[in-house]
């Protein structure tokens, strides 16, 4: 059970709701995205940070994806 309850999709600010819907489509859940959406400024800053890491990171994208899959498995998360 989450310590911080995510927003309902209809409570998410309209300008960032698309990101929650995309997360749901890609992974089957948007709980973490909807939790970050409690503060739209933080949500947007985190998105910019993640995008910069994706563009400028030094880890091979294939290896990065394998790490994500492994971590999800270790945490019994759907991915």
Protein backbone atom coordinates (compact mmCIF):
# COMPACT_ATOMS: atom_id res chain seq x y z
CA UNK A 1 0.00 0.00 0.00
CA UNK A 2 1.28 3.43 -0.92
CA UNK A 3 2.22 5.82 1.86
CA UNK A 4 1.13 8.73 -0.33
CA UNK A 5 -2.14 8.10 -2.12
CA UNK A 6 -1.96 8.92 -5.86
CA UNK A 7 -4.46 11.30 -7.39
CA UNK A 8 -7.39 9.90 -9.32
CA UNK A 9 -6.75 10.38 -13.05
CA UNK A 10 -9.57 12.96 -13.15
CA UNK A 11 -7.86 14.98 -10.39
CA UNK A 12 -4.61 15.33 -12.34
CA UNK A 13 -4.08 18.79 -13.84
CA UNK A 14 -5.16 18.76 -17.50
CA UNK A 15 -1.75 19.91 -18.78
CA UNK A 16 -0.01 16.82 -17.36
CA UNK A 17 -2.81 14.25 -17.52
CA UNK A 18 -1.52 12.99 -20.89
CA UNK A 19 1.69 11.80 -19.17
CA UNK A 20 -0.32 9.75 -16.68
CA UNK A 21 -2.40 8.25 -19.48
CA UNK A 22 0.77 7.40 -21.43
CA UNK A 23 2.33 5.75 -18.36
CA UNK A 24 -0.85 3.70 -17.92
CA UNK A 25 -0.75 2.65 -21.58
CA UNK A 26 2.92 1.67 -21.48
CA UNK A 27 3.17 -0.07 -18.11
CA UNK A 28 -0.38 -0.83 -17.00
CA UNK A 29 -0.20 1.59 -14.09
CA UNK A 30 0.25 5.29 -13.53
CA UNK A 31 0.28 5.30 -9.72
CA UNK A 32 3.74 6.82 -9.35
CA UNK A 33 3.05 9.35 -12.10
CA UNK A 34 -0.25 10.32 -10.46
CA UNK A 35 1.54 10.66 -7.11
CA UNK A 36 4.10 13.08 -8.60
CA UNK A 37 1.17 14.93 -10.19
CA UNK A 38 0.13 16.13 -6.72
CA UNK A 39 2.65 18.92 -7.36
CA UNK A 40 2.65 19.86 -11.08
CA UNK A 41 5.84 21.95 -10.79
CA UNK A 42 7.74 19.00 -9.31
CA UNK A 43 6.19 16.69 -11.89
CA UNK A 44 7.41 18.90 -14.75
CA UNK A 45 10.88 19.33 -13.22
CA UNK A 46 11.22 15.58 -12.73
CA UNK A 47 10.16 15.01 -16.32
CA UNK A 48 12.80 17.46 -17.57
CA UNK A 49 15.43 15.80 -15.38
CA UNK A 50 14.56 12.32 -16.68
CA UNK A 51 14.56 13.56 -20.28
CA UNK A 52 18.03 15.08 -19.80
CA UNK A 53 19.31 11.82 -18.35
CA UNK A 54 17.87 9.93 -21.28
CA UNK A 55 19.51 12.26 -23.81
CA UNK A 56 22.84 12.73 -22.08
CA UNK A 57 23.30 9.55 -20.09
CA UNK A 58 26.38 7.42 -20.63
CA UNK A 59 24.70 4.04 -20.19
CA UNK A 60 23.80 2.17 -23.36
CA UNK A 61 19.98 2.36 -23.82
CA UNK A 62 19.69 -1.44 -24.19
CA UNK A 63 21.57 -2.01 -20.94
CA UNK A 64 19.45 0.67 -19.20
CA UNK A 65 16.27 -1.13 -20.26
CA UNK A 66 17.61 -4.49 -19.07
CA UNK A 67 18.39 -2.93 -15.68
CA UNK A 68 14.83 -1.53 -15.47
CA UNK A 69 13.38 -4.97 -16.24
CA UNK A 70 15.61 -6.66 -13.65
CA UNK A 71 14.75 -4.11 -10.95
CA UNK A 72 11.05 -4.46 -11.70
CA UNK A 73 11.37 -8.25 -11.35
CA UNK A 74 13.26 -7.98 -8.08
CA UNK A 75 10.53 -5.71 -6.73
CA UNK A 76 7.72 -7.89 -8.08
CA UNK A 77 6.49 -4.94 -10.17
CA UNK A 78 4.71 -5.21 -13.48
CA UNK A 79 6.80 -3.64 -16.20
